[in-house]
Amino acid sequence: MTVPHSRHRRALVIPVGMAMATAVAFLPNATASAAQPAPTASADATSLSYVVNVRPGHGPSEDVKKAIADAGGTIVMSYDRIGVIVVHSSNADFARTIRTVRGVESAGATRTAPLPAQSTTDVGTPEVLSAQDVADAEAAEGQDPLQGLQWDLPAIKADKAHEKSLGSSKVTVAVIDTGVDDTHPDIAPNFDREASVNCVTGKPDTTDGAWRPGATESPHGTHVAGEIAAAKNGVGMTGVAPGVKVSGIKVSTTAGYFYTEAVVCGFVWAAEHGVDVTNNSYYTDPWYFNCKNDPDQKALVEAITRASKYAEKKGAVNVAAAGNENYDLAADEITDPVSPNDSTPTERVIDPSECYDIPTQLPGIVTVAATGAKGLKSSFSNHGLGVVDIAAPGGDSTAYQKPEPPATSGLILGTLPGGKWGYMAGTSMASPHVAGVAALIKSTHPHATPGLVKALLYAEADATACTDPYDINGDGKVDAVCEGPKNYNGFYGWGTADALDAVTK
């Protein structure tokens, strides 16, 4: 069963008790900041943004810089260490021209719509807890007030882990997302301002508060941040790693697009500001899958691969959501009906071994599938043997996977801007659980390399056997096929993340 398509698919809003086929609403990854970045040069009505990839080192050669200018381009930012240059140009032939220049390894447009992209409105919102909901919540002694609603914490043994360790304040998880409200009472105690930034234009904006979402814009990043590191402070909920730091790296435009130049900026910023883990609950627009036989899409894959590898080289474990279409990412082919999502989509059939969801399918990335309150693959979660590395709670329709009391919703509780809390679901919500567990591992083993953290993450995961047959809605039809043995399969990878092992082994 494949849920309805939307141009954004990392977070879902699932009304309680309704069938997925009619109830799934997608929350566009819209974003804005308290302080908007200044317009960059050449961002006119016909201008596009490009990445130009050259040999990493000390910056583009004079010949390359001259060629960019001669082709009508303006350099916005040059990430010299990875050889990625962000350029704006209104010349429709810019990429084709610059690809012929000596020293240019690849180049491509990061979008199909002129700067800025056209705005769209949200088609779904989180299920916000009312004041009465908060007042009625029941929690055991020693727990934060809303922790009884968080079935996801015992699902990965995080409640037991917190009896041993809350994580180290020397560890920072960067939320590369739609922005984080660092004024929230559950986030403020653990917020790392120095590791936070607005990267939307592809150039870092460190204006105070630039990493925050606006009052009418997506709460996605704030929700994710709370899942990771909501403080254990007697207020609201508890994060998976409530003693670590969390930062906000904003990469989504006000129209809700995660473009390559912003994502590159985000990874490089994390790399150069001491981040230990990055969480990536998005796919890079405008292509759901980026095919390397297309010169533009090839350049986007190359740019983000370089940036994510740089972040790992500098010490960060990069964690990403697997996606919400119930796709088998190990299939021979997948129909992509939503790309490019910033202009006019055209249905195409792609080979997922050649066309990548980025950053999810890039080398070195920890790819996370979602589970529901019964521990089964979430109805919407992408899967695939050899693609999914690990699984964690991302929620599901309560009608499909109902939690044990006192929890009442099959969705995931998280922080929302303005000091609120609410439910969301998606692989967006599964990825931060794994990012939190990785942060606990790093806290336990402060000198561990990213490779060792990932090895421990997989080794400590609880092996979870294939669900066979997988008929999540009980209609007698198989909704997805799981391949592989108990200790490594297409639904759960190496297994379900284990926070207790993270602090004891």
Protein backbone atom coordinates (compact mmCIF):
# COMPACT_ATOMS: atom_id res chain seq x y z
CA MET A 1 0.00 0.00 0.00
CA THR A 2 1.44 3.35 -1.02
CA VAL A 3 0.23 6.48 0.66
CA PRO A 4 -0.80 9.52 -1.41
CA HIS A 5 2.03 11.50 -2.92
CA SER A 6 3.04 15.02 -1.98
CA ARG A 7 5.98 17.14 -2.95
CA HIS A 8 7.20 16.77 0.64
CA ARG A 9 7.05 13.43 2.32
CA ARG A 10 9.13 13.26 5.44
CA ALA A 11 6.46 14.15 8.01
CA LEU A 12 2.92 12.91 8.12
CA VAL A 13 -0.10 13.99 10.07
CA ILE A 14 -2.37 11.02 10.68
CA PRO A 15 -5.74 11.73 12.29
CA VAL A 16 -6.29 9.22 15.06
CA GLY A 17 -8.34 6.13 14.18
CA MET A 18 -8.71 6.83 10.46
CA ALA A 19 -7.54 4.61 7.64
CA MET A 20 -4.26 5.57 5.99
CA ALA A 21 -5.72 5.50 2.52
CA THR A 22 -7.87 8.51 3.30
CA ALA A 23 -6.31 10.02 6.39
CA VAL A 24 -2.70 10.74 5.56
CA ALA A 25 -1.94 14.43 5.23
CA PHE A 26 1.52 15.61 4.37
CA LEU A 27 3.12 18.47 6.18
CA PRO A 28 5.08 20.52 3.64
CA ASN A 29 8.55 21.32 4.89
CA ALA A 30 7.80 25.04 4.88
CA THR A 31 10.15 27.29 6.75
CA ALA A 32 11.01 30.87 7.58
CA SER A 33 13.27 32.67 9.98
CA ALA A 34 12.86 35.41 12.51
CA ALA A 35 15.43 37.32 10.52
CA GLN A 36 15.27 36.68 6.79
CA PRO A 37 18.59 36.42 4.93
CA ALA A 38 19.44 39.30 2.68
CA PRO A 39 18.77 38.80 -1.05
CA THR A 40 21.79 37.65 -2.99
CA ALA A 41 23.08 39.11 -6.22
CA SER A 42 21.39 38.15 -9.49
CA ALA A 43 18.35 36.63 -7.81
CA ASP A 44 15.99 38.13 -10.39
CA ALA A 45 12.80 36.76 -11.90
CA THR A 46 14.64 34.51 -14.37
CA SER A 47 17.66 33.58 -12.27
CA LEU A 48 18.37 29.99 -11.24
CA SER A 49 20.77 28.64 -8.65
CA TYR A 50 23.57 26.26 -9.65
CA VAL A 51 26.29 24.18 -8.07
CA VAL A 52 29.62 24.02 -9.88
CA ASN A 53 31.89 21.22 -8.68
CA VAL A 54 35.64 21.62 -9.07
CA ARG A 55 38.64 19.92 -7.54
CA PRO A 56 38.60 20.36 -3.74
CA GLY A 57 41.40 22.49 -2.39
CA HIS A 58 42.04 26.18 -2.07
CA GLY A 59 39.20 27.54 -4.15
CA PRO A 60 38.28 27.81 -7.85
CA SER A 61 41.01 28.79 -10.26
CA GLU A 62 41.04 32.22 -11.84
CA ASP A 63 40.13 30.56 -15.14
CA VAL A 64 37.03 28.96 -13.61
CA LYS A 65 35.99 32.21 -11.92
CA LYS A 66 36.37 34.08 -15.18
CA ALA A 67 34.41 31.41 -17.06
CA ILE A 68 31.58 31.66 -14.52
CA ALA A 69 31.43 35.43 -14.96
CA ASP A 70 31.65 35.18 -18.76
CA ALA A 71 28.73 32.72 -18.72
CA GLY A 72 26.60 35.20 -16.79
CA GLY A 73 27.09 33.71 -13.35
CA THR A 74 27.58 35.36 -9.96
CA ILE A 75 29.35 33.39 -7.24
CA VAL A 76 27.27 33.39 -4.05
CA MET A 77 29.51 31.11 -1.98
CA SER A 78 32.50 28.87 -2.57
CA TYR A 79 33.04 25.88 -0.31
CA ASP A 80 36.69 25.49 -1.19
CA ARG A 81 37.50 22.45 0.96
CA ILE A 82 34.98 20.32 -0.93
CA GLY A 83 35.16 22.14 -4.25
CA VAL A 84 31.51 23.18 -4.46
CA ILE A 85 30.64 26.66 -5.77
CA VAL A 86 27.13 28.13 -5.45
CA VAL A 87 26.28 30.34 -8.42
CA HIS A 88 23.26 32.37 -9.54
CA SER A 89 22.69 32.99 -13.23
CA SER A 90 19.84 34.01 -15.53
CA ASN A 91 21.61 32.43 -18.51
CA ALA A 92 19.57 29.39 -19.50
CA ASP A 93 22.69 27.80 -20.98
CA PHE A 94 24.88 28.45 -17.94
CA ALA A 95 25.27 24.83 -16.81
CA ARG A 96 25.81 23.50 -20.33
CA THR A 97 28.42 26.17 -20.97
CA ILE A 98 30.31 25.84 -17.70
CA ARG A 99 30.51 22.05 -17.97
CA THR A 100 32.87 22.50 -20.93
CA VAL A 101 35.34 24.57 -18.92
CA ARG A 102 38.64 22.98 -17.95
CA GLY A 103 38.71 22.34 -14.20
CA VAL A 104 34.93 21.93 -13.88
CA GLU A 105 34.04 18.36 -12.93
CA SER A 106 30.26 18.77 -12.97
CA ALA A 107 27.65 21.53 -12.81
CA GLY A 108 23.90 21.68 -12.63
CA ALA A 109 20.83 23.73 -11.77
CA THR A 110 19.59 23.10 -8.23
CA ARG A 111 15.99 23.94 -9.19
CA THR A 112 13.66 24.27 -12.16
CA ALA A 113 11.73 27.33 -10.92
CA PRO A 114 13.27 30.82 -10.93
CA LEU A 115 14.43 32.41 -7.70
CA PRO A 116 12.51 32.54 -5.46
CA ALA A 117 10.32 29.44 -5.81
CA GLN A 118 6.57 29.94 -5.70
CA SER A 119 4.98 29.56 -2.28
CA THR A 120 2.44 26.91 -1.44
CA THR A 121 0.32 26.40 1.65
CA ASP A 122 0.39 23.57 4.15
CA VAL A 123 -2.10 20.77 3.63
CA GLY A 124 -1.72 19.33 7.11
CA THR A 125 -0.88 20.43 10.60
CA PRO A 126 0.26 18.60 13.73
CA GLU A 127 -2.25 17.36 16.26
CA VAL A 128 -1.56 19.91 18.99
CA LEU A 129 -2.06 19.03 22.64
CA SER A 130 -4.59 21.32 24.30
CA ALA A 131 -4.08 22.73 27.78
CA GLN A 132 -6.53 20.12 29.02
CA ASP A 133 -4.58 17.34 27.29
CA VAL A 134 -1.45 18.52 29.07
CA ALA A 135 -3.26 18.73 32.40
CA ASP A 136 -4.76 15.25 31.99
CA ALA A 137 -1.49 13.55 31.07
CA GLU A 138 -0.29 10.94 33.53
CA ALA A 139 3.38 10.20 34.16
CA ALA A 140 5.17 7.95 36.61
CA GLU A 141 7.24 9.37 39.44
CA GLY A 142 10.50 10.81 38.18
CA GLN A 143 9.18 11.35 34.66
CA ASP A 144 8.43 14.60 32.88
CA PRO A 145 4.67 15.39 32.82
CA LEU A 146 4.00 14.21 29.25
CA GLN A 147 6.31 11.22 29.23
CA GLY A 148 3.42 8.79 29.73
CA LEU A 149 2.25 9.73 26.25
CA GLN A 150 5.62 8.80 24.75
CA TRP A 151 5.29 5.10 23.94
CA ASP A 152 8.30 5.55 21.68
CA LEU A 153 10.76 5.92 24.60
CA PRO A 154 10.22 2.45 26.11
CA ALA A 155 10.06 1.04 22.55
CA ILE A 156 13.80 1.75 22.30
CA LYS A 157 14.47 1.39 26.06
CA ALA A 158 15.24 5.08 26.38
CA ASP A 159 13.38 5.25 29.70
CA LYS A 160 15.74 2.63 31.12
CA ALA A 161 18.73 4.33 29.51
CA HIS A 162 17.92 7.57 31.33
CA GLU A 163 18.38 5.79 34.66
CA LYS A 164 22.02 5.29 33.62
CA SER A 165 22.76 8.42 31.59
CA LEU A 166 20.99 11.35 29.96
CA GLY A 167 23.86 11.92 27.56
CA SER A 168 26.73 14.40 27.61
CA SER A 169 26.41 18.15 27.18
CA LYS A 170 29.66 17.93 25.19
CA VAL A 171 27.77 16.17 22.38
CA THR A 172 25.76 18.21 19.83
CA VAL A 173 23.14 16.95 17.39
CA ALA A 174 22.41 19.32 14.51
CA VAL A 175 18.86 19.36 13.18
CA ILE A 176 19.26 20.14 9.47
CA ASP A 177 15.66 21.03 8.80
CA THR A 178 13.03 23.79 8.68
CA GLY A 179 14.33 25.67 11.70
CA VAL A 180 14.26 25.21 15.47
CA ASP A 181 12.45 27.32 18.07
CA ASP A 182 15.19 27.54 20.66
CA THR A 183 12.92 29.54 22.98
CA HIS A 184 10.78 26.46 23.70
CA PRO A 185 11.11 25.54 27.41
CA ASP A 186 11.97 21.94 26.53
CA ILE A 187 14.67 22.96 24.01
CA ALA A 188 16.20 26.13 25.49
CA PRO A 189 18.21 24.34 28.22
CA ASN A 190 20.04 22.22 25.65
CA PHE A 191 20.32 24.59 22.69
CA ASP A 192 23.72 25.11 21.05
CA ARG A 193 23.61 28.58 19.56
CA GLU A 194 27.17 28.48 18.18
CA ALA A 195 26.34 25.46 16.04
CA SER A 196 23.12 27.03 14.69
CA VAL A 197 22.66 28.96 11.44
CA ASN A 198 20.37 29.79 8.53
CA CYS A 199 21.71 28.20 5.32
CA VAL A 200 18.70 28.77 3.07
CA THR A 201 20.52 30.83 0.41
CA GLY A 202 23.52 28.51 0.37
CA LYS A 203 25.53 31.05 2.37
CA PRO A 204 25.57 30.98 6.20
CA ASP A 205 23.46 33.64 7.94
CA THR A 206 24.34 33.88 11.64
CA THR A 207 21.90 36.65 12.48
CA ASP A 208 20.51 35.95 15.94
CA GLY A 209 17.37 33.83 15.61
CA ALA A 210 17.82 33.25 11.87
CA TRP A 211 17.51 29.50 12.54
CA ARG A 212 13.95 29.83 13.90
CA PRO A 213 10.72 29.14 12.00
CA GLY A 214 8.20 31.97 11.76
CA ALA A 215 4.93 31.85 13.65
CA THR A 216 2.91 30.64 10.64
CA GLU A 217 5.49 28.25 9.24
CA SER A 218 6.46 24.62 9.58
CA PRO A 219 7.06 23.24 13.07
CA HIS A 220 8.85 20.22 11.60
CA GLY A 221 12.38 21.04 12.75
CA THR A 222 11.23 22.03 16.23
CA HIS A 223 9.36 18.73 16.59
CA VAL A 224 12.47 16.81 15.53
CA ALA A 225 14.69 18.76 17.94
CA GLY A 226 12.44 17.92 20.88
CA GLU A 227 12.38 14.23 20.03
CA ILE A 228 16.17 14.23 20.18
CA ALA A 229 16.96 16.41 23.17
CA ALA A 230 13.92 17.78 25.00
CA ALA A 231 15.33 18.43 28.48
CA LYS A 232 14.42 16.25 31.46
CA ASN A 233 13.45 19.31 33.47
CA GLY A 234 10.01 18.70 34.92
CA VAL A 235 8.38 20.39 31.94
CA GLY A 236 6.58 18.76 29.02
CA MET A 237 8.21 15.75 27.38
CA THR A 238 11.59 14.00 27.40
CA GLY A 239 13.95 13.54 24.48
CA VAL A 240 15.82 10.36 23.59
CA ALA A 241 19.04 12.03 24.73
CA PRO A 242 17.88 14.76 27.14
CA GLY A 243 21.38 15.64 28.31
CA VAL A 244 22.97 16.40 24.92
CA LYS A 245 22.98 19.66 23.02
CA VAL A 246 20.87 20.34 19.93
CA SER A 247 21.36 22.97 17.25
CA GLY A 248 19.21 24.28 14.41
CA ILE A 249 20.58 24.44 10.86
CA LYS A 250 17.83 25.87 8.73
CA VAL A 251 17.91 24.76 5.09
CA SER A 252 14.31 25.02 3.89
CA THR A 253 12.98 28.03 1.97
CA THR A 254 9.85 29.85 3.04
CA ALA A 255 8.08 27.99 0.22
CA GLY A 256 9.17 24.67 1.69
CA TYR A 257 11.99 23.57 -0.59
CA PHE A 258 15.25 21.94 0.52
CA TYR A 259 17.61 22.93 -2.29
CA THR A 260 21.11 21.54 -2.82
CA GLU A 261 23.00 24.75 -2.04
CA ALA A 262 21.29 24.99 1.36
CA VAL A 263 21.92 21.34 2.20
CA VAL A 264 25.59 21.66 1.21
CA CYS A 265 25.86 24.72 3.44
CA GLY A 266 24.23 22.80 6.28
CA PHE A 267 26.60 19.86 6.17
CA VAL A 268 29.67 22.10 5.86
CA TRP A 269 28.49 24.24 8.78
CA ALA A 270 28.00 21.13 10.91
CA ALA A 271 31.43 19.86 9.89
CA GLU A 272 33.15 23.08 10.92
CA HIS A 273 31.27 23.72 14.18
CA GLY A 274 31.93 20.58 16.19
CA VAL A 275 28.68 18.74 15.49
CA ASP A 276 28.73 15.05 16.46
CA VAL A 277 25.48 13.91 14.77
CA THR A 278 23.31 15.43 12.05
CA ASN A 279 19.64 14.58 11.58
CA ASN A 280 18.24 14.84 8.05
CA SER A 281 14.48 14.33 7.88
CA TYR A 282 13.94 15.56 4.31
CA TYR A 283 14.79 14.87 0.71
CA THR A 284 16.63 17.39 -1.42
CA ASP A 285 14.32 19.16 -3.86
CA PRO A 286 13.26 19.33 -6.62
CA TRP A 287 13.97 15.70 -7.58
CA TYR A 288 12.71 12.88 -5.38
CA PHE A 289 15.37 10.71 -7.04
CA ASN A 290 18.47 12.18 -8.68
CA CYS A 291 19.70 10.21 -11.69
CA LYS A 292 23.41 10.29 -12.45
CA ASN A 293 22.79 9.98 -16.19
CA ASP A 294 21.29 13.48 -16.09
CA PRO A 295 24.08 16.10 -15.94
CA ASP A 296 22.17 18.47 -13.67
CA GLN A 297 21.07 15.79 -11.22
CA LYS A 298 24.54 14.21 -11.28
CA ALA A 299 26.00 17.51 -10.08
CA LEU A 300 23.54 17.68 -7.19
CA VAL A 301 24.43 14.14 -6.09
CA GLU A 302 28.12 15.00 -6.27
CA ALA A 303 27.78 18.23 -4.29
CA ILE A 304 25.83 16.73 -1.40
CA THR A 305 28.00 13.60 -1.38
CA ARG A 306 31.06 15.78 -0.93
CA ALA A 307 29.40 17.83 1.80
CA SER A 308 28.09 14.85 3.78
CA LYS A 309 31.42 13.03 3.51
CA TYR A 310 33.17 16.18 4.73
CA ALA A 311 30.89 16.31 7.77
CA GLU A 312 31.67 12.66 8.54
CA LYS A 313 35.39 13.25 8.05
CA LYS A 314 35.20 16.05 10.59
CA GLY A 315 33.48 13.78 13.13
CA ALA A 316 29.74 13.78 12.43
CA VAL A 317 27.46 10.75 12.09
CA ASN A 318 24.85 11.60 9.45
CA VAL A 319 21.38 10.11 10.04
CA ALA A 320 18.53 10.37 7.50
CA ALA A 321 14.88 9.36 7.12
CA ALA A 322 14.05 6.64 4.60
CA GLY A 323 10.87 8.29 3.26
CA ASN A 324 7.13 7.84 3.49
CA GLU A 325 5.85 6.28 0.26
CA ASN A 326 6.08 2.60 1.21
CA TYR A 327 8.58 2.26 -1.62
CA ASP A 328 10.93 -0.70 -1.81
CA LEU A 329 14.17 1.18 -2.36
CA ALA A 330 15.85 -2.07 -3.40
CA ALA A 331 13.35 -2.71 -6.21
CA ASP A 332 14.39 -2.90 -9.84
CA GLU A 333 12.30 0.16 -10.63
CA ILE A 334 10.12 2.78 -8.94
CA THR A 335 7.63 5.18 -10.49
CA ASP A 336 8.38 8.76 -9.44
CA PRO A 337 5.33 10.96 -10.20
CA VAL A 338 6.38 14.08 -8.25
CA SER A 339 9.59 15.36 -9.85
CA PRO A 340 10.50 18.13 -10.38
CA ASN A 341 8.30 19.36 -7.56
CA ASP A 342 9.02 23.07 -7.94
CA SER A 343 7.58 23.37 -11.47
CA THR A 344 5.69 20.74 -13.50
CA PRO A 345 6.19 17.13 -12.36
CA THR A 346 6.50 14.45 -15.02
CA GLU A 347 5.96 10.79 -14.18
CA ARG A 348 9.09 8.75 -14.77
CA VAL A 349 10.28 5.23 -13.99
CA ILE A 350 13.66 5.14 -12.26
CA ASP A 351 16.16 2.54 -11.08
CA PRO A 352 16.85 3.31 -7.39
CA SER A 353 20.31 1.78 -7.71
CA GLU A 354 21.17 4.51 -10.22
CA CYS A 355 18.87 7.34 -9.13
CA TYR A 356 19.22 8.44 -5.53
CA ASP A 357 17.07 9.97 -2.85
CA ILE A 358 19.60 12.40 -1.37
CA PRO A 359 20.95 12.48 1.26
CA THR A 360 19.14 9.27 2.30
CA GLN A 361 20.83 6.92 -0.18
CA LEU A 362 24.31 8.46 -0.17
CA PRO A 363 27.36 6.51 1.04
CA GLY A 364 27.93 6.63 4.79
CA ILE A 365 24.45 7.87 5.67
CA VAL A 366 22.51 5.98 8.36
CA THR A 367 19.15 5.29 6.69
CA VAL A 368 16.22 4.93 9.09
CA ALA A 369 12.86 3.19 8.57
CA ALA A 370 9.87 3.84 10.83
CA THR A 371 7.98 1.54 13.18
CA GLY A 372 4.66 1.96 14.99
CA ALA A 373 3.50 1.32 18.53
CA LYS A 374 3.31 -2.45 17.95
CA GLY A 375 6.89 -2.54 16.67
CA LEU A 376 5.88 -3.25 13.07
CA LYS A 377 7.04 -1.30 10.04
CA SER A 378 4.91 1.83 9.76
CA SER A 379 2.37 1.56 6.95
CA PHE A 380 3.99 4.43 5.05
CA SER A 381 7.68 3.72 5.66
CA ASN A 382 10.00 3.08 2.75
CA HIS A 383 12.06 -0.09 3.05
CA GLY A 384 14.58 -2.12 1.11
CA LEU A 385 17.18 -4.82 1.78
CA GLY A 386 20.63 -3.27 1.68
CA VAL A 387 19.23 0.27 1.86
CA VAL A 388 17.60 0.52 5.29
CA ASP A 389 20.21 0.36 8.05
CA ILE A 390 18.09 0.53 11.19
CA ALA A 391 14.53 1.15 12.41
CA ALA A 392 13.01 3.30 15.14
CA PRO A 393 9.61 4.63 16.22
CA GLY A 394 8.08 6.99 13.66
CA GLY A 395 4.43 6.40 14.51
CA ASP A 396 1.52 5.05 12.52
CA SER A 397 -2.24 5.31 12.41
CA THR A 398 -3.56 4.46 15.88
CA ALA A 399 -6.09 2.19 14.16
CA TYR A 400 -3.19 0.11 12.82
CA GLN A 401 -0.82 0.17 15.78
CA LYS A 402 -2.37 1.23 19.09
CA PRO A 403 -0.04 1.92 22.02
CA GLU A 404 -0.41 0.61 25.54
CA PRO A 405 -1.93 3.01 28.13
CA PRO A 406 -1.37 5.63 29.35
CA ALA A 407 -0.32 6.56 25.79
CA THR A 408 -3.37 7.18 23.60
CA SER A 409 -2.01 8.09 20.16
CA GLY A 410 -0.01 5.97 17.74
CA LEU A 411 1.78 9.11 16.56
CA ILE A 412 4.97 10.61 18.00
CA LEU A 413 4.86 13.40 20.58
CA GLY A 414 7.23 16.30 20.03
CA THR A 415 7.82 19.96 20.77
CA LEU A 416 6.12 22.64 18.69
CA PRO A 417 7.01 26.33 18.35
CA GLY A 418 5.54 28.69 20.89
CA GLY A 419 6.00 26.41 23.88
CA LYS A 420 3.55 23.77 22.68
CA TRP A 421 3.61 20.00 22.15
CA GLY A 422 1.89 17.86 19.56
CA TYR A 423 1.79 14.66 17.54
CA MET A 424 3.31 13.96 14.13
CA ALA A 425 4.32 10.79 12.30
CA GLY A 426 6.70 9.80 9.54
CA THR A 427 10.20 8.56 8.95
CA SER A 428 10.96 12.17 9.88
CA MET A 429 10.14 11.13 13.43
CA ALA A 430 12.07 7.84 13.27
CA SER A 431 15.35 9.41 12.19
CA PRO A 432 15.69 11.66 15.28
CA HIS A 433 15.25 8.64 17.55
CA VAL A 434 18.31 7.09 15.91
CA ALA A 435 20.16 10.42 16.01
CA GLY A 436 19.44 10.53 19.74
CA VAL A 437 20.74 6.99 20.27
CA ALA A 438 23.88 7.85 18.26
CA ALA A 439 24.35 10.85 20.56
CA LEU A 440 24.10 8.56 23.60
CA ILE A 441 26.73 6.25 22.07
CA LYS A 442 29.00 9.25 21.47
CA SER A 443 28.41 10.33 25.07
CA THR A 444 29.41 6.88 26.33
CA HIS A 445 32.39 6.68 23.97
CA PRO A 446 33.55 10.30 23.56
CA HIS A 447 36.56 9.41 21.43
CA ALA A 448 34.68 7.14 19.04
CA THR A 449 34.97 7.92 15.35
CA PRO A 450 31.80 8.17 13.24
CA GLY A 451 32.59 4.73 11.87
CA LEU A 452 32.74 3.24 15.35
CA VAL A 453 29.55 5.01 16.45
CA LYS A 454 27.73 3.55 13.45
CA ALA A 455 29.17 0.10 14.08
CA LEU A 456 27.98 0.21 17.70
CA LEU A 457 24.60 1.57 16.62
CA TYR A 458 24.06 -1.45 14.36
CA ALA A 459 25.62 -4.03 16.69
CA GLU A 460 23.50 -2.86 19.64
CA ALA A 461 20.23 -2.74 17.68
CA ASP A 462 17.64 -5.35 18.63
CA ALA A 463 17.31 -7.80 15.75
CA THR A 464 13.76 -7.61 14.41
CA ALA A 465 12.45 -10.35 12.15
CA CYS A 466 10.58 -9.68 8.92
CA THR A 467 6.85 -9.14 9.22
CA ASP A 468 5.48 -11.82 6.88
CA PRO A 469 2.90 -11.46 5.59
CA TYR A 470 2.71 -7.70 6.06
CA ASP A 471 -0.97 -6.73 5.94
CA ILE A 472 -1.01 -3.66 8.15
CA ASN A 473 -4.62 -2.65 7.50
CA GLY A 474 -6.04 -6.17 7.72
CA ASP A 475 -7.76 -6.17 4.34
CA GLY A 476 -6.27 -9.48 3.27
CA LYS A 477 -3.80 -7.93 0.82
CA VAL A 478 -0.03 -7.87 1.31
CA ASP A 479 1.03 -4.22 1.65
CA ALA A 480 4.80 -4.71 1.37
CA VAL A 481 7.29 -7.56 1.14
CA CYS A 482 10.17 -7.92 3.60
CA GLU A 483 13.34 -9.69 2.51
CA GLY A 484 16.24 -10.95 4.60
CA PRO A 485 16.90 -12.74 7.90
CA LYS A 486 16.07 -11.54 11.42
CA ASN A 487 19.40 -9.83 11.99
CA TYR A 488 19.41 -7.89 8.70
CA ASN A 489 16.39 -7.31 6.49
CA GLY A 490 14.60 -4.81 4.33
CA PHE A 491 12.07 -3.58 6.91
CA TYR A 492 14.28 -3.08 9.95
CA GLY A 493 17.88 -3.23 8.72
CA TRP A 494 20.13 -4.37 11.56
CA GLY A 495 17.15 -4.06 13.92
CA THR A 496 15.40 -1.57 16.19
CA ALA A 497 17.58 1.07 17.83
CA ASP A 498 18.45 0.34 21.49
CA ALA A 499 19.14 3.32 23.77
CA LEU A 500 19.91 1.20 26.85
CA ASP A 501 22.77 -0.60 25.14
CA ALA A 502 24.01 2.79 23.96
CA VAL A 503 24.73 3.88 27.53
CA THR A 504 25.80 0.52 28.99
CA LYS A 505 27.98 -1.11 26.31
